[in-house]
Amino acid sequence: MENCLTEIEPVQAEGYQKESLEKICSDIYDKELISFSFFEKRETGEYRQIFSSKSNNISQKGIQRAFEEYLQAGMDPYVVERTDDTNQIKRLYFIKKLDESHYVLMNKSIRGLDQLVRLVTTFIMTSGIVIAVMGCVLWICLTRSFMMQIIKISSVTKDISELNFDQKLNFRGKDEIGVLAESVDELSDKLKASIEGMQRELERRKTLIRNLTHELRTPLTTIQGYAENLQLIFKDKQKERRFCDIILEECEAMDHLVEEMLELSRMEKGESAYEKEDMDIEEVFRNIRRLAKTVFSQADITIRSEPQEIYANRLLLERVITNYLKNAVQYGRPAGKIWVTGDREEEHYVIAVTNEGGSLSPDDQERIWEAFYKTDKSRKRSGGYGIGLAIVQEIAHIHDARVDVCCAEDKTTFYFKMPVKKRL
């Protein structure tokens, strides 16, 4: 519109003659579809419309209102977009002062331009959506093989973490994924070979211990039998009888050791069937109270238990508490107090045996559950053979329980924490 100002300069020189205005405005309308209106300022200060194109499709009222807005705005030139009240068509108005007393108002319909903008916007949005969808499909197609390989590697590594080495990747590519897959297969094979070797060695050792304990039975029985006969022969000879008594005591100790080694071996191998049943833990503590009055009568033992229904083997739980009590009596402070408790803690039932004294080093606390490990490095016989706690550990495995030991405030506490659950 601003370029049209140069085309209407001749009418300014001719004094805004109506014929000249009509001709020039008609020519411009034919080319640009722009309509014109001219205003003149009188000496009284009023503004009068002196010309309006025949092609003007808006009311004179609308033109007058647009010109009044220009005067109020005080801007030159003045450009505004308005909707015509008559036909609701959007128009662009351009108003500019030509000289001291004359003004031009140009207007043009922008309905077609709005439609074009909407069309272009719709086209761009549609094209964007189509391109995005095609890009996603192309990305999925290109990365599908890669993602499937990654998922397969993840599945195989999870199986390896669960010691299942049957699955293989068998990717033979030379890219990074192929190299990674080959490394995972190689790691799986090496781990499988190592674990199988350790299992064979462990089984060999268990078999050796089991065979050894069976072989010890025969000479022990023979020695014990001859010692008993010697007791009868040396009935009236105190010194010789004492020697026989010592031989029998040692035979009984060795026989007890063999029994414990056999029991531990059976537990580790899972040969013994320990049936569990729903029961009240009070049955176990009643028998422990009887043992405290008979077998451990010399010790100051306090027993307290909270009733609880559990799913367990009663004899094995009694064995746990008995082994803990033996340790408390042997390693605790002489004439010291011993506490046996049973309490429900959230989803576990905790059996604890506490004695005064007998503190353990951090290394001892970790290793006392190993078979034949003794805290007394001199290996004195008075402390037992170091199998009792290993048996407790195996009983814990049977019951899905955990064992623990804690030393604090000159007290040592052994724990047996088993889940509270019933048979399904």
Protein backbone atom coordinates (compact mmCIF):
# COMPACT_ATOMS: atom_id res chain seq x y z
CA MET A 1 0.00 0.00 0.00
CA GLU A 2 2.82 2.38 0.77
CA ASN A 3 4.14 1.86 -2.76
CA CYS A 4 0.82 3.11 -4.13
CA LEU A 5 1.53 6.56 -2.70
CA THR A 6 3.89 7.30 -5.59
CA GLU A 7 1.15 6.42 -8.09
CA ILE A 8 -1.26 9.00 -6.65
CA GLU A 9 1.27 11.86 -6.66
CA PRO A 10 -0.13 13.27 -9.97
CA VAL A 11 -3.52 13.90 -8.37
CA GLN A 12 -1.82 15.99 -5.71
CA ALA A 13 -0.35 18.24 -8.41
CA GLU A 14 -3.72 18.55 -10.14
CA GLY A 15 -5.46 19.59 -6.92
CA TYR A 16 -7.26 16.31 -6.26
CA GLN A 17 -9.57 16.51 -9.29
CA LYS A 18 -12.34 13.93 -9.12
CA GLU A 19 -11.77 12.65 -12.67
CA SER A 20 -8.07 12.12 -12.05
CA LEU A 21 -8.74 10.41 -8.69
CA GLU A 22 -11.31 8.10 -10.27
CA LYS A 23 -8.97 7.05 -13.08
CA ILE A 24 -5.86 6.46 -10.97
CA CYS A 25 -7.74 4.68 -8.16
CA SER A 26 -9.54 2.49 -10.68
CA ASP A 27 -6.24 1.48 -12.29
CA ILE A 28 -4.70 0.65 -8.90
CA TYR A 29 -7.77 -1.38 -7.88
CA ASP A 30 -7.57 -3.42 -11.07
CA LYS A 31 -3.95 -4.31 -10.23
CA GLU A 32 -3.90 -4.51 -6.41
CA LEU A 33 -7.59 -4.68 -5.32
CA ILE A 34 -6.98 -1.62 -3.13
CA SER A 35 -9.79 0.92 -2.59
CA PHE A 36 -9.18 4.62 -1.80
CA SER A 37 -10.83 7.37 0.15
CA PHE A 38 -9.52 10.96 0.45
CA PHE A 39 -10.19 13.40 3.27
CA GLU A 40 -9.68 17.15 3.45
CA LYS A 41 -9.23 19.34 6.52
CA ARG A 42 -11.24 22.54 6.38
CA GLU A 43 -10.29 25.91 7.86
CA THR A 44 -12.84 25.32 10.62
CA GLY A 45 -10.83 22.26 11.68
CA GLU A 46 -13.43 19.75 10.48
CA TYR A 47 -12.54 16.79 8.25
CA ARG A 48 -14.56 16.05 5.10
CA GLN A 49 -14.41 13.07 2.77
CA ILE A 50 -13.84 14.41 -0.73
CA PHE A 51 -13.57 11.13 -2.65
CA SER A 52 -14.27 7.41 -2.32
CA SER A 53 -13.56 4.72 -4.92
CA LYS A 54 -16.55 3.17 -6.63
CA SER A 55 -14.95 -0.16 -5.90
CA ASN A 56 -15.16 0.42 -2.14
CA ASN A 57 -17.16 -2.49 -0.71
CA ILE A 58 -17.46 -1.09 2.80
CA SER A 59 -19.90 1.44 4.21
CA GLN A 60 -19.04 5.09 4.53
CA LYS A 61 -19.66 4.70 8.19
CA GLY A 62 -16.86 2.18 8.47
CA ILE A 63 -14.48 4.41 6.52
CA GLN A 64 -15.31 7.36 8.72
CA ARG A 65 -14.74 5.39 11.89
CA ALA A 66 -11.34 4.13 10.67
CA PHE A 67 -10.32 7.73 9.89
CA GLU A 68 -11.42 8.93 13.34
CA GLU A 69 -9.31 6.17 14.94
CA TYR A 70 -6.35 7.44 12.93
CA LEU A 71 -6.85 10.96 14.26
CA GLN A 72 -7.11 9.69 17.85
CA ALA A 73 -4.04 7.48 17.51
CA GLY A 74 -1.83 10.34 16.36
CA MET A 75 0.31 7.97 14.25
CA ASP A 76 1.34 8.60 10.66
CA PRO A 77 1.10 6.39 8.77
CA TYR A 78 -1.56 4.42 10.64
CA VAL A 79 -2.06 0.72 9.87
CA VAL A 80 -4.80 -1.36 11.46
CA GLU A 81 -6.73 -4.56 10.83
CA ARG A 82 -10.48 -4.40 11.35
CA THR A 83 -13.55 -6.47 10.54
CA ASP A 84 -16.23 -4.81 8.44
CA ASP A 85 -19.54 -4.68 10.33
CA THR A 86 -21.55 -5.08 7.12
CA ASN A 87 -20.17 -8.31 5.70
CA GLN A 88 -17.78 -9.44 8.50
CA ILE A 89 -14.78 -9.37 6.16
CA LYS A 90 -11.36 -8.61 7.57
CA ARG A 91 -9.66 -5.59 6.01
CA LEU A 92 -6.31 -3.88 6.29
CA TYR A 93 -6.45 -0.06 6.58
CA PHE A 94 -3.55 2.23 5.66
CA ILE A 95 -4.02 5.95 6.44
CA LYS A 96 -1.43 8.66 5.75
CA LYS A 97 -1.27 12.44 5.63
CA LEU A 98 -0.45 13.69 2.07
CA ASP A 99 -0.02 17.40 2.79
CA GLU A 100 -1.17 19.98 5.28
CA SER A 101 -4.85 19.46 4.55
CA HIS A 102 -5.27 16.18 2.66
CA TYR A 103 -5.26 12.53 3.80
CA VAL A 104 -5.54 9.23 1.99
CA LEU A 105 -7.22 6.06 3.37
CA MET A 106 -6.50 2.79 1.58
CA ASN A 107 -8.15 -0.53 2.43
CA LYS A 108 -7.88 -4.05 1.13
CA SER A 109 -9.67 -7.29 1.97
CA ILE A 110 -7.37 -9.87 3.59
CA ARG A 111 -9.88 -12.72 3.66
CA GLY A 112 -8.01 -14.57 0.95
CA LEU A 113 -4.75 -14.00 2.81
CA ASP A 114 -6.24 -15.49 6.00
CA GLN A 115 -7.36 -18.53 4.07
CA LEU A 116 -3.92 -18.82 2.54
CA VAL A 117 -2.25 -18.57 5.97
CA ARG A 118 -4.58 -21.22 7.38
CA LEU A 119 -3.93 -23.43 4.39
CA VAL A 120 -0.16 -23.02 4.72
CA THR A 121 -0.34 -23.62 8.49
CA THR A 122 -2.44 -26.75 7.98
CA PHE A 123 -0.06 -27.98 5.31
CA ILE A 124 2.99 -27.40 7.53
CA MET A 125 1.37 -29.11 10.53
CA THR A 126 0.20 -32.07 8.43
CA SER A 127 3.60 -32.38 6.79
CA GLY A 128 5.27 -32.22 10.20
CA ILE A 129 3.06 -34.99 11.60
CA VAL A 130 3.60 -37.18 8.52
CA ILE A 131 7.37 -36.62 8.65
CA ALA A 132 7.42 -37.37 12.42
CA VAL A 133 5.46 -40.61 11.94
CA MET A 134 7.63 -41.68 9.03
CA GLY A 135 10.73 -40.81 11.09
CA CYS A 136 9.51 -42.92 14.02
CA VAL A 137 8.72 -45.86 11.73
CA LEU A 138 12.11 -45.54 10.05
CA TRP A 139 13.85 -45.27 13.45
CA ILE A 140 12.06 -48.36 14.73
CA CYS A 141 12.99 -50.30 11.60
CA LEU A 142 16.62 -49.23 11.81
CA THR A 143 17.00 -49.85 15.56
CA ARG A 144 14.81 -52.92 15.93
CA SER A 145 17.65 -55.34 15.25
CA PHE A 146 19.97 -53.41 17.56
CA MET A 147 17.39 -53.30 20.39
CA MET A 148 16.60 -57.01 20.03
CA GLN A 149 20.30 -57.78 20.40
CA ILE A 150 20.55 -55.58 23.50
CA ILE A 151 17.47 -57.28 25.03
CA LYS A 152 18.97 -60.71 24.27
CA ILE A 153 22.28 -59.73 25.91
CA SER A 154 20.39 -58.43 28.96
CA SER A 155 18.43 -61.70 29.23
CA VAL A 156 21.57 -63.84 28.95
CA THR A 157 23.50 -61.79 31.54
CA LYS A 158 20.54 -62.11 33.92
CA ASP A 159 20.64 -65.91 33.45
CA ILE A 160 24.38 -65.84 34.17
CA SER A 161 23.76 -63.91 37.40
CA GLU A 162 21.38 -66.74 38.40
CA LEU A 163 24.11 -69.32 37.50
CA ASN A 164 22.23 -70.51 34.41
CA PHE A 165 24.79 -70.90 31.62
CA ASP A 166 22.66 -72.75 29.03
CA GLN A 167 21.69 -69.65 27.01
CA LYS A 168 24.17 -68.38 24.39
CA LEU A 169 24.15 -65.26 22.23
CA ASN A 170 25.98 -66.59 19.16
CA PHE A 171 26.23 -63.13 17.55
CA ARG A 172 28.97 -63.23 14.93
CA GLY A 173 29.10 -59.57 13.90
CA LYS A 174 32.33 -57.58 13.88
CA ASP A 175 30.71 -54.44 15.28
CA GLU A 176 30.64 -53.41 18.95
CA ILE A 177 27.55 -55.53 19.69
CA GLY A 178 29.17 -58.61 18.13
CA VAL A 179 32.35 -58.13 20.18
CA LEU A 180 30.30 -57.64 23.37
CA ALA A 181 28.21 -60.76 22.67
CA GLU A 182 31.35 -62.82 22.05
CA SER A 183 32.82 -61.57 25.36
CA VAL A 184 29.62 -62.46 27.24
CA ASP A 185 29.62 -66.01 25.75
CA GLU A 186 33.27 -66.42 26.67
CA LEU A 187 32.63 -65.18 30.21
CA SER A 188 29.68 -67.57 30.53
CA ASP A 189 31.80 -70.54 29.47
CA LYS A 190 34.61 -69.67 31.88
CA LEU A 191 32.24 -69.10 34.80
CA LYS A 192 30.45 -72.38 34.08
CA ALA A 193 33.75 -74.26 33.99
CA SER A 194 34.95 -72.61 37.20
CA ILE A 195 31.73 -73.25 39.12
CA GLU A 196 31.54 -76.85 37.92
CA GLY A 197 35.14 -77.33 39.04
CA MET A 198 34.39 -75.85 42.48
CA GLN A 199 31.29 -78.01 42.79
CA ARG A 200 33.27 -81.13 41.94
CA GLU A 201 35.94 -80.18 44.46
CA LEU A 202 33.33 -79.45 47.12
CA GLU A 203 31.58 -82.73 46.43
CA ARG A 204 34.91 -84.54 46.58
CA ARG A 205 35.66 -83.01 49.97
CA LYS A 206 32.21 -83.85 51.31
CA THR A 207 32.61 -87.42 50.10
CA LEU A 208 36.05 -87.58 51.70
CA ILE A 209 34.69 -86.37 55.06
CA ARG A 210 31.76 -88.77 54.88
CA ASN A 211 34.00 -91.70 54.02
CA LEU A 212 36.51 -90.68 56.69
CA THR A 213 33.88 -90.53 59.41
CA HIS A 214 32.57 -93.97 58.39
CA GLU A 215 36.09 -95.38 58.46
CA LEU A 216 36.71 -93.90 61.94
CA ARG A 217 33.68 -95.71 63.31
CA THR A 218 35.28 -99.18 63.10
CA PRO A 219 38.55 -98.52 65.01
CA LEU A 220 36.70 -96.40 67.56
CA THR A 221 34.27 -99.23 68.26
CA THR A 222 37.17 -101.67 68.55
CA ILE A 223 39.16 -99.42 70.91
CA GLN A 224 36.11 -98.77 73.02
CA GLY A 225 35.37 -102.48 73.31
CA TYR A 226 38.93 -103.37 74.36
CA ALA A 227 39.00 -100.48 76.87
CA GLU A 228 35.82 -101.74 78.50
CA ASN A 229 37.35 -105.24 78.78
CA LEU A 230 40.53 -103.75 80.28
CA GLN A 231 38.40 -102.01 82.89
CA LEU A 232 37.14 -105.41 84.02
CA ILE A 233 40.68 -106.86 84.03
CA PHE A 234 42.12 -103.93 86.03
CA LYS A 235 39.11 -103.66 88.32
CA ASP A 236 41.26 -103.60 91.46
CA LYS A 237 44.14 -101.59 90.02
CA GLN A 238 43.35 -97.91 90.35
CA LYS A 239 46.10 -96.53 88.05
CA GLU A 240 45.39 -98.93 85.20
CA ARG A 241 41.64 -98.38 85.59
CA ARG A 242 42.19 -94.62 85.35
CA PHE A 243 44.01 -95.12 82.05
CA CYS A 244 41.08 -97.15 80.78
CA ASP A 245 38.65 -94.42 81.85
CA ILE A 246 40.66 -91.84 79.89
CA ILE A 247 40.64 -94.08 76.79
CA LEU A 248 36.86 -94.50 77.04
CA GLU A 249 36.32 -90.75 77.50
CA GLU A 250 38.39 -90.04 74.42
CA CYS A 251 36.53 -92.71 72.47
CA GLU A 252 33.19 -91.17 73.46
CA ALA A 253 34.44 -87.72 72.45
CA MET A 254 35.63 -89.06 69.10
CA ASP A 255 32.35 -90.92 68.62
CA HIS A 256 30.46 -87.68 69.30
CA LEU A 257 32.68 -85.89 66.77
CA VAL A 258 32.01 -88.54 64.15
CA GLU A 259 28.26 -88.27 64.75
CA GLU A 260 28.36 -84.50 64.32
CA MET A 261 30.49 -84.76 61.16
CA LEU A 262 28.04 -87.27 59.67
CA GLU A 263 25.08 -85.09 60.59
CA LEU A 264 26.72 -81.99 59.08
CA SER A 265 27.56 -83.91 55.91
CA ARG A 266 23.97 -85.17 55.57
CA MET A 267 22.62 -81.64 56.03
CA GLU A 268 24.99 -80.17 53.44
CA LYS A 269 24.16 -82.87 50.92
CA GLY A 270 20.43 -82.73 51.68
CA GLU A 271 20.21 -86.46 52.29
CA SER A 272 18.23 -86.17 55.51
CA ALA A 273 14.57 -85.28 55.23
CA TYR A 274 13.69 -82.85 58.00
CA GLU A 275 9.93 -82.52 57.96
CA LYS A 276 8.54 -79.18 59.06
CA GLU A 277 5.11 -78.55 60.48
CA ASP A 278 2.91 -75.77 61.82
CA MET A 279 3.62 -75.54 65.53
CA ASP A 280 3.75 -73.21 68.52
CA ILE A 281 7.28 -72.14 69.40
CA GLU A 282 6.37 -72.66 73.05
CA GLU A 283 6.80 -76.44 72.47
CA VAL A 284 10.49 -75.82 71.81
CA PHE A 285 10.97 -73.53 74.79
CA ARG A 286 9.27 -76.00 77.16
CA ASN A 287 11.92 -78.62 76.29
CA ILE A 288 14.69 -76.01 76.60
CA ARG A 289 13.47 -75.16 80.10
CA ARG A 290 13.73 -78.87 81.05
CA LEU A 291 17.28 -79.02 79.65
CA ALA A 292 18.21 -75.88 81.61
CA LYS A 293 17.19 -77.64 84.84
CA THR A 294 19.01 -80.88 84.02
CA VAL A 295 21.87 -80.69 81.52
CA PHE A 296 22.71 -77.02 82.23
CA SER A 297 21.70 -76.96 85.90
CA GLN A 298 25.08 -75.48 86.92
CA ALA A 299 24.45 -72.34 84.82
CA ASP A 300 22.32 -69.30 85.75
CA ILE A 301 19.88 -69.34 82.82
CA THR A 302 16.83 -67.08 82.36
CA ILE A 303 14.35 -68.09 79.65
CA ARG A 304 11.60 -65.84 78.21
CA SER A 305 9.58 -66.47 75.05
CA GLU A 306 6.69 -64.90 73.17
CA PRO A 307 4.10 -67.40 71.83
CA GLN A 308 4.07 -67.64 68.04
CA GLU A 309 2.79 -70.06 65.40
CA ILE A 310 5.66 -71.06 63.07
CA TYR A 311 6.42 -73.59 60.34
CA ALA A 312 9.55 -75.45 61.40
CA ASN A 313 11.15 -78.67 62.61
CA ARG A 314 10.96 -78.77 66.41
CA LEU A 315 14.01 -81.01 66.95
CA LEU A 316 16.22 -78.83 64.76
CA LEU A 317 15.18 -75.64 66.58
CA GLU A 318 15.95 -77.32 69.90
CA ARG A 319 19.36 -78.24 68.45
CA VAL A 320 20.00 -74.57 67.59
CA ILE A 321 19.25 -73.34 71.11
CA THR A 322 21.16 -76.25 72.69
CA ASN A 323 24.29 -75.50 70.62
CA TYR A 324 24.03 -71.80 71.50
CA LEU A 325 23.69 -72.70 75.19
CA LYS A 326 26.74 -74.98 75.06
CA ASN A 327 28.80 -72.11 73.62
CA ALA A 328 27.43 -69.68 76.23
CA VAL A 329 28.39 -72.03 79.07
CA GLN A 330 31.83 -72.88 77.65
CA TYR A 331 32.94 -69.40 76.54
CA GLY A 332 30.93 -67.10 78.84
CA ARG A 333 32.13 -65.63 82.09
CA PRO A 334 32.34 -68.25 84.86
CA ALA A 335 29.20 -68.09 87.04
CA GLY A 336 27.87 -65.43 84.64
CA LYS A 337 24.22 -65.05 83.67
CA ILE A 338 22.73 -66.43 80.45
CA TRP A 339 19.51 -65.21 78.80
CA VAL A 340 17.44 -67.15 76.26
CA THR A 341 14.69 -65.12 74.54
CA GLY A 342 12.20 -65.53 71.72
CA ASP A 343 10.43 -62.48 70.25
CA ARG A 344 8.38 -61.53 67.20
CA GLU A 345 10.05 -58.75 65.18
CA GLU A 346 7.90 -57.71 62.20
CA GLU A 347 7.89 -60.73 59.83
CA HIS A 348 10.54 -62.69 61.75
CA TYR A 349 10.74 -64.67 64.97
CA VAL A 350 14.10 -64.06 66.64
CA ILE A 351 15.68 -66.55 69.04
CA ALA A 352 18.58 -65.02 70.99
CA VAL A 353 21.03 -66.50 73.50
CA THR A 354 23.08 -63.96 75.44
CA ASN A 355 25.93 -64.60 77.87
CA GLU A 356 28.21 -62.35 79.89
CA GLY A 357 31.78 -62.11 78.63
CA GLY A 358 33.23 -64.12 75.75
CA SER A 359 33.81 -61.18 73.39
CA LEU A 360 34.70 -62.06 69.77
CA SER A 361 36.89 -60.16 67.31
CA PRO A 362 35.32 -59.04 64.00
CA ASP A 363 37.25 -61.77 62.16
CA ASP A 364 36.04 -64.43 64.62
CA GLN A 365 32.44 -63.20 64.23
CA GLU A 366 32.68 -63.86 60.49
CA ARG A 367 34.39 -67.26 60.66
CA ILE A 368 32.85 -69.02 63.68
CA TRP A 369 30.16 -70.48 61.40
CA GLU A 370 32.81 -72.46 59.51
CA ALA A 371 33.26 -76.12 60.40
CA PHE A 372 36.27 -76.83 62.65
CA TYR A 373 37.04 -73.14 63.15
CA LYS A 374 38.00 -72.37 66.76
CA THR A 375 38.61 -69.00 68.36
CA ASP A 376 41.16 -70.65 70.62
CA LYS A 377 44.20 -70.86 68.32
CA SER A 378 45.85 -73.35 70.70
CA ARG A 379 43.12 -75.85 69.67
CA LYS A 380 42.38 -76.97 73.24
CA ARG A 381 39.90 -79.81 73.49
CA SER A 382 37.86 -78.06 76.19
CA GLY A 383 36.29 -75.79 73.64
CA GLY A 384 34.74 -78.50 71.48
CA TYR A 385 35.52 -79.31 67.84
CA GLY A 386 34.00 -76.25 66.13
CA ILE A 387 31.14 -78.08 64.40
CA GLY A 388 28.16 -76.94 66.50
CA LEU A 389 27.77 -73.51 64.87
CA ALA A 390 28.30 -74.99 61.39
CA ILE A 391 25.31 -77.25 62.10
CA VAL A 392 23.31 -74.20 63.23
CA GLN A 393 24.17 -72.55 59.90
CA GLU A 394 22.84 -75.54 57.97
CA ILE A 395 19.66 -75.61 60.09
CA ALA A 396 19.20 -71.93 59.19
CA HIS A 397 19.37 -72.84 55.48
CA ILE A 398 16.70 -75.49 55.98
CA HIS A 399 14.39 -72.90 57.61
CA ASP A 400 15.24 -69.95 55.29
CA ALA A 401 16.58 -68.24 58.40
CA ARG A 402 19.61 -66.06 59.18
CA VAL A 403 22.20 -66.41 61.92
CA ASP A 404 24.17 -63.59 63.48
CA VAL A 405 26.35 -62.71 66.47
CA CYS A 406 26.79 -59.42 68.29
CA CYS A 407 29.27 -58.40 71.01
CA ALA A 408 28.49 -55.29 73.06
CA GLU A 409 28.73 -54.10 76.68
CA ASP A 410 30.74 -57.19 77.71
CA LYS A 411 27.96 -59.46 76.44
CA THR A 412 27.82 -61.84 73.49
CA THR A 413 24.51 -62.61 71.76
CA PHE A 414 23.83 -65.27 69.14
CA TYR A 415 20.72 -64.83 66.96
CA PHE A 416 18.57 -67.15 64.89
CA LYS A 417 16.11 -65.12 62.79
CA MET A 418 13.48 -67.17 60.96
CA PRO A 419 10.56 -65.92 58.85
CA VAL A 420 7.08 -66.28 60.32
CA LYS A 421 5.14 -68.22 57.72
CA LYS A 422 2.92 -71.27 57.54
CA ARG A 423 2.91 -74.18 55.13
CA LEU A 424 1.05 -73.36 51.91
